[in-house]
Amino acid sequence: MSRDRALAALILFVTTAVFIGLWNMATSGNDGGLAPTPAATLRSAIEILSDPFYREGINSVGVFWHLLASLQRVLTGFLVAAVIAIPLGFLLGSVRSARWGLDPIIQILRPVSPLAWLPLGLALLRDAERTALFVIIMSALWPLLLNTIEGVRSVNPLHLQLARTVEAGRWRVIRSILLPSALPQMITGLRLSLSTSWLVIIAAEMLVGGRGMGYFVWNMWNKLDIPAICVAILIIGLVGLALDRAVSALHKVVPHA
C-alpha cells in the first residue's frame, strides 16, 4: 500500500511539473498579453490569499467571503433537493404505477441544462439569491432521485417476500430492508448531485451577480485580471475535490458501497 501511495505521489508530481512546463512554454514572451504565465498566476495567488478575509464594502470583499457565499448556496440547495429526491425516490422505486406515471415527466425534465432554468427562475422568483438556489435544486435533484429509485428497485425480492410473510409494517420494511439496500446507490447519487451543484453554481453566479466564486471570476474578467481567474479556478477545483471526498468517505461506512 505504501509503495502504491509513493508511486501515485510521483505520478502526481511529474504530471504537475510537465503541465507547468508546457504552460510556461505556451505563455513565454506573452507578459504583456492576456495569456497568464505561471509566474504571474503565482504572484496573483499570493496577493489574493494573503488577505482573504478583508471587507471594504458590500461587493469589495476577500475571496473567502465569495467562497463562503457559494458554499452556502450549494449546500442549501443540495439539502433541499435531498429532502425532495429521497422520499420521492423511495415512492417511485417501490410503487410501479407511480414510477410508470411520472417517468415521462422525469425523462423530459432531466436532460434540461440547469442554466436553462435561470431565466424562468428570475421571472418567477424576481430575486437573484432565490433563483440561484432554484437552479441548484434543479441541478442536484435528478442524480439523487434516479439513483435512489434504482437502489430501491435493486432490493432482493426474496427479502421483500420474507417481510410480507412475517407481516412486517411498511416503515419497518423501509428501515430494515429498503434503506440498507438502496444506501450505496443513494451515496453515489449524493456524490453526483453535490458535484453537479458545485459545477452549476459558478456559472449561475456569473449571471445573477452579487457575491460568490462565479461573481469573483466574472469581476476579474471585467478587470482583465486573467491570473486571478486562474487562481479562482484552482480554488474552485480544490473545493470541489474536498466536497467529493467528503461524500465519498461515506462509502467506507456503508457495506458494499
Protein backbone atom coordinates (compact mmCIF):
# COMPACT_ATOMS: atom_id res chain seq x y z
CA MET A 1 0.00 0.00 0.00
CA SER A 2 2.79 2.44 0.89
CA ARG A 3 4.50 1.61 -2.42
CA ASP A 4 1.30 2.38 -4.32
CA ARG A 5 0.94 5.69 -2.49
CA ALA A 6 4.53 6.63 -3.25
CA LEU A 7 4.03 5.79 -6.93
CA ALA A 8 0.80 7.82 -7.01
CA ALA A 9 2.58 10.80 -5.43
CA LEU A 10 5.38 10.51 -8.00
CA ILE A 11 2.89 10.40 -10.89
CA LEU A 12 1.10 13.45 -9.50
CA PHE A 13 4.38 15.35 -9.12
CA VAL A 14 5.60 14.51 -12.63
CA THR A 15 2.25 15.31 -14.22
CA THR A 16 2.07 18.66 -12.42
CA ALA A 17 5.64 19.52 -13.38
CA VAL A 18 5.00 18.65 -17.03
CA PHE A 19 1.80 20.70 -17.04
CA ILE A 20 3.52 23.76 -15.56
CA GLY A 21 6.40 23.35 -18.01
CA LEU A 22 4.06 23.21 -21.01
CA TRP A 23 2.07 26.13 -19.60
CA ASN A 24 5.24 28.19 -19.24
CA MET A 25 6.33 27.35 -22.79
CA ALA A 26 2.93 28.26 -24.22
CA THR A 27 2.82 31.65 -22.48
CA SER A 28 6.51 32.61 -22.70
CA GLY A 29 7.05 36.05 -24.21
CA ASN A 30 3.41 36.96 -23.54
CA ASP A 31 3.86 39.00 -20.36
CA GLY A 32 2.01 41.95 -21.86
CA GLY A 33 -0.84 39.85 -23.29
CA LEU A 34 -3.91 38.25 -21.80
CA ALA A 35 -2.48 34.73 -21.52
CA PRO A 36 -1.40 34.25 -17.87
CA THR A 37 2.08 32.91 -17.15
CA PRO A 38 2.75 30.59 -14.19
CA ALA A 39 4.82 33.33 -12.53
CA ALA A 40 2.03 35.90 -12.88
CA THR A 41 -0.51 33.40 -11.57
CA LEU A 42 1.70 32.65 -8.56
CA ARG A 43 2.02 36.36 -7.80
CA SER A 44 -1.74 36.75 -8.06
CA ALA A 45 -2.30 33.75 -5.76
CA ILE A 46 0.00 35.27 -3.12
CA GLU A 47 -1.85 38.58 -3.37
CA ILE A 48 -5.34 37.02 -3.20
CA LEU A 49 -4.58 34.53 -0.43
CA SER A 50 -2.52 36.90 1.68
CA ASP A 51 -5.68 38.66 2.87
CA PRO A 52 -8.74 36.55 2.01
CA PHE A 53 -10.90 37.98 4.83
CA TYR A 54 -10.83 41.69 4.03
CA ARG A 55 -14.03 43.78 3.77
CA GLU A 56 -14.06 47.20 2.16
CA GLY A 57 -17.73 47.42 1.24
CA ILE A 58 -20.68 45.32 0.10
CA ASN A 59 -19.01 43.97 -3.04
CA SER A 60 -15.34 44.60 -2.23
CA VAL A 61 -14.51 41.59 -0.09
CA GLY A 62 -11.84 38.91 0.11
CA VAL A 63 -12.02 35.61 -1.73
CA PHE A 64 -13.02 33.78 1.47
CA TRP A 65 -16.39 35.56 1.55
CA HIS A 66 -17.03 34.74 -2.11
CA LEU A 67 -16.20 31.11 -1.41
CA LEU A 68 -18.43 31.07 1.67
CA ALA A 69 -21.37 32.52 -0.27
CA SER A 70 -21.03 29.84 -2.98
CA LEU A 71 -20.79 27.04 -0.43
CA GLN A 72 -23.85 28.28 1.44
CA ARG A 73 -25.90 28.34 -1.75
CA VAL A 74 -24.71 24.91 -2.84
CA LEU A 75 -25.27 23.20 0.50
CA THR A 76 -28.70 24.79 1.00
CA GLY A 77 -29.91 23.84 -2.47
CA PHE A 78 -28.35 20.39 -2.14
CA LEU A 79 -30.15 19.70 1.17
CA VAL A 80 -33.49 20.88 -0.23
CA ALA A 81 -33.00 18.62 -3.26
CA ALA A 82 -32.19 15.67 -0.96
CA VAL A 83 -35.35 16.26 1.09
CA ILE A 84 -37.38 16.10 -2.13
CA ALA A 85 -35.49 13.39 -4.02
CA ILE A 86 -35.01 10.72 -1.34
CA PRO A 87 -38.67 10.26 -0.28
CA LEU A 88 -39.83 10.57 -3.89
CA GLY A 89 -37.20 8.05 -4.95
CA PHE A 90 -38.42 5.53 -2.38
CA LEU A 91 -42.00 6.05 -3.56
CA LEU A 92 -41.21 5.64 -7.25
CA GLY A 93 -38.85 2.74 -6.60
CA SER A 94 -41.50 0.88 -4.59
CA VAL A 95 -44.72 1.67 -6.47
CA ARG A 96 -44.58 0.59 -10.09
CA SER A 97 -47.66 2.52 -11.25
CA ALA A 98 -46.31 5.77 -9.77
CA ARG A 99 -42.94 5.18 -11.45
CA TRP A 100 -44.51 4.48 -14.81
CA GLY A 101 -46.78 7.52 -14.50
CA LEU A 102 -44.04 10.00 -13.56
CA ASP A 103 -41.16 8.58 -15.59
CA PRO A 104 -42.06 10.50 -18.81
CA ILE A 105 -42.06 13.79 -16.87
CA ILE A 106 -38.73 12.96 -15.22
CA GLN A 107 -37.15 11.97 -18.53
CA ILE A 108 -38.34 15.22 -20.17
CA LEU A 109 -37.06 17.48 -17.38
CA ARG A 110 -33.85 15.62 -16.53
CA PRO A 111 -31.82 16.46 -19.69
CA VAL A 112 -32.62 20.18 -19.47
CA SER A 113 -29.50 22.19 -18.66
CA PRO A 114 -29.78 23.68 -15.16
CA LEU A 115 -28.86 27.10 -16.55
CA ALA A 116 -31.92 26.94 -18.81
CA TRP A 117 -33.98 27.28 -15.63
CA LEU A 118 -32.23 30.55 -14.74
CA PRO A 119 -34.39 32.94 -16.80
CA LEU A 120 -37.54 31.16 -15.62
CA GLY A 121 -36.39 31.42 -12.01
CA LEU A 122 -35.66 35.14 -12.38
CA ALA A 123 -39.07 35.71 -13.96
CA LEU A 124 -40.99 33.78 -11.29
CA LEU A 125 -38.98 34.49 -8.15
CA ARG A 126 -37.77 38.02 -9.01
CA ASP A 127 -34.80 37.55 -6.70
CA ALA A 128 -31.24 36.62 -7.67
CA GLU A 129 -30.50 34.72 -4.45
CA ARG A 130 -33.62 32.56 -4.57
CA THR A 131 -33.06 31.99 -8.29
CA ALA A 132 -29.54 30.67 -7.61
CA LEU A 133 -30.98 28.25 -5.03
CA PHE A 134 -33.67 27.19 -7.50
CA VAL A 135 -31.03 26.39 -10.12
CA ILE A 136 -29.03 24.37 -7.57
CA ILE A 137 -32.11 22.37 -6.58
CA MET A 138 -32.85 21.56 -10.22
CA SER A 139 -29.20 20.52 -10.68
CA ALA A 140 -29.00 18.27 -7.64
CA LEU A 141 -32.46 16.71 -7.87
CA TRP A 142 -32.12 14.30 -10.78
CA PRO A 143 -28.92 12.33 -9.99
CA LEU A 144 -30.08 11.66 -6.45
CA LEU A 145 -33.65 10.84 -7.47
CA LEU A 146 -32.65 8.37 -10.20
CA ASN A 147 -30.01 6.66 -8.05
CA THR A 148 -32.48 6.31 -5.17
CA ILE A 149 -35.07 4.79 -7.50
CA GLU A 150 -32.56 2.28 -8.87
CA GLY A 151 -31.32 1.48 -5.38
CA VAL A 152 -34.82 0.67 -4.17
CA ARG A 153 -35.57 -1.37 -7.30
CA SER A 154 -32.39 -3.43 -6.80
CA VAL A 155 -33.60 -4.81 -3.47
CA ASN A 156 -33.62 -8.61 -3.41
CA PRO A 157 -37.27 -9.69 -3.97
CA LEU A 158 -36.78 -12.58 -1.54
CA HIS A 159 -36.22 -10.11 1.27
CA LEU A 160 -39.48 -8.35 0.46
CA GLN A 161 -41.34 -11.67 0.27
CA LEU A 162 -39.94 -12.62 3.66
CA ALA A 163 -41.09 -9.28 5.08
CA ARG A 164 -44.60 -9.89 3.76
CA THR A 165 -44.55 -13.39 5.23
CA VAL A 166 -43.84 -12.09 8.73
CA GLU A 167 -46.30 -9.21 8.14
CA ALA A 168 -43.70 -6.51 8.73
CA GLY A 169 -45.03 -2.96 8.72
CA ARG A 170 -44.26 -0.50 5.93
CA TRP A 171 -41.86 1.60 7.99
CA ARG A 172 -40.04 -1.49 9.21
CA VAL A 173 -39.58 -2.67 5.62
CA ILE A 174 -38.16 0.72 4.67
CA ARG A 175 -35.87 0.89 7.69
CA SER A 176 -34.64 -2.71 7.69
CA ILE A 177 -34.68 -3.70 4.00
CA LEU A 178 -35.09 -0.86 1.51
CA LEU A 179 -32.82 1.72 3.12
CA PRO A 180 -29.78 -0.56 3.73
CA SER A 181 -30.05 -1.98 0.22
CA ALA A 182 -30.52 1.37 -1.50
CA LEU A 183 -27.94 3.27 0.56
CA PRO A 184 -24.88 2.54 -1.62
CA GLN A 185 -26.56 3.91 -4.74
CA MET A 186 -28.01 6.79 -2.76
CA ILE A 187 -24.49 7.79 -1.74
CA THR A 188 -23.45 7.66 -5.39
CA GLY A 189 -26.40 9.93 -6.15
CA LEU A 190 -25.38 12.31 -3.36
CA ARG A 191 -21.88 12.46 -4.77
CA LEU A 192 -23.08 13.21 -8.29
CA SER A 193 -25.63 15.75 -7.07
CA LEU A 194 -23.13 17.67 -4.96
CA SER A 195 -20.50 17.81 -7.71
CA THR A 196 -23.11 18.94 -10.24
CA SER A 197 -24.36 21.61 -7.85
CA TRP A 198 -20.85 22.98 -7.35
CA LEU A 199 -20.32 22.98 -11.11
CA VAL A 200 -23.53 24.86 -11.85
CA ILE A 201 -23.43 27.49 -9.09
CA ILE A 202 -20.26 29.03 -10.52
CA ALA A 203 -21.94 29.62 -13.88
CA ALA A 204 -25.16 30.80 -12.22
CA GLU A 205 -23.32 33.34 -10.09
CA MET A 206 -21.74 34.85 -13.19
CA LEU A 207 -25.24 35.68 -14.41
CA VAL A 208 -27.10 36.61 -11.20
CA GLY A 209 -24.22 38.67 -9.77
CA GLY A 210 -23.86 39.52 -6.10
CA ARG A 211 -21.26 37.57 -4.15
CA GLY A 212 -19.75 34.16 -4.90
CA MET A 213 -16.90 32.49 -6.76
CA GLY A 214 -18.71 32.83 -10.07
CA TYR A 215 -19.14 36.55 -9.48
CA PHE A 216 -15.47 36.79 -8.48
CA VAL A 217 -14.38 35.16 -11.75
CA TRP A 218 -16.65 37.42 -13.81
CA ASN A 219 -15.46 40.51 -11.94
CA MET A 220 -11.83 39.58 -12.60
CA TRP A 221 -12.65 39.13 -16.29
CA ASN A 222 -14.12 42.63 -16.41
CA LYS A 223 -10.80 43.83 -14.99
CA LEU A 224 -8.90 41.62 -17.48
CA ASP A 225 -7.08 40.08 -14.49
CA ILE A 226 -6.59 36.63 -16.05
CA PRO A 227 -4.05 35.37 -13.46
CA ALA A 228 -6.66 35.98 -10.75
CA ILE A 229 -9.12 33.90 -12.77
CA CYS A 230 -6.58 31.06 -12.85
CA VAL A 231 -6.26 31.30 -9.06
CA ALA A 232 -10.06 31.21 -8.71
CA ILE A 233 -10.24 28.14 -10.97
CA LEU A 234 -7.69 26.38 -8.78
CA ILE A 235 -9.65 27.26 -5.62
CA ILE A 236 -12.91 26.08 -7.18
CA GLY A 237 -11.29 22.81 -8.22
CA LEU A 238 -9.75 22.17 -4.80
CA VAL A 239 -13.03 22.87 -3.00
CA GLY A 240 -14.86 20.59 -5.45
CA LEU A 241 -12.32 17.87 -4.70
CA ALA A 242 -12.84 18.33 -0.96
CA LEU A 243 -16.63 18.13 -1.30
CA ASP A 244 -16.39 14.99 -3.41
CA ARG A 245 -14.02 13.32 -0.95
CA ALA A 246 -16.28 14.24 1.97
CA VAL A 247 -19.26 12.47 0.40
CA SER A 248 -17.26 9.54 -0.96
CA ALA A 249 -15.94 8.94 2.56
CA LEU A 250 -19.44 7.67 3.37
CA HIS A 251 -18.68 4.64 1.19
CA LYS A 252 -16.26 3.42 3.83
CA VAL A 253 -19.02 3.10 6.44
CA VAL A 254 -21.64 1.60 4.10
CA PRO A 255 -21.27 -2.11 3.33
CA HIS A 256 -20.86 -2.97 -0.35
CA ALA A 257 -20.96 0.75 -1.31
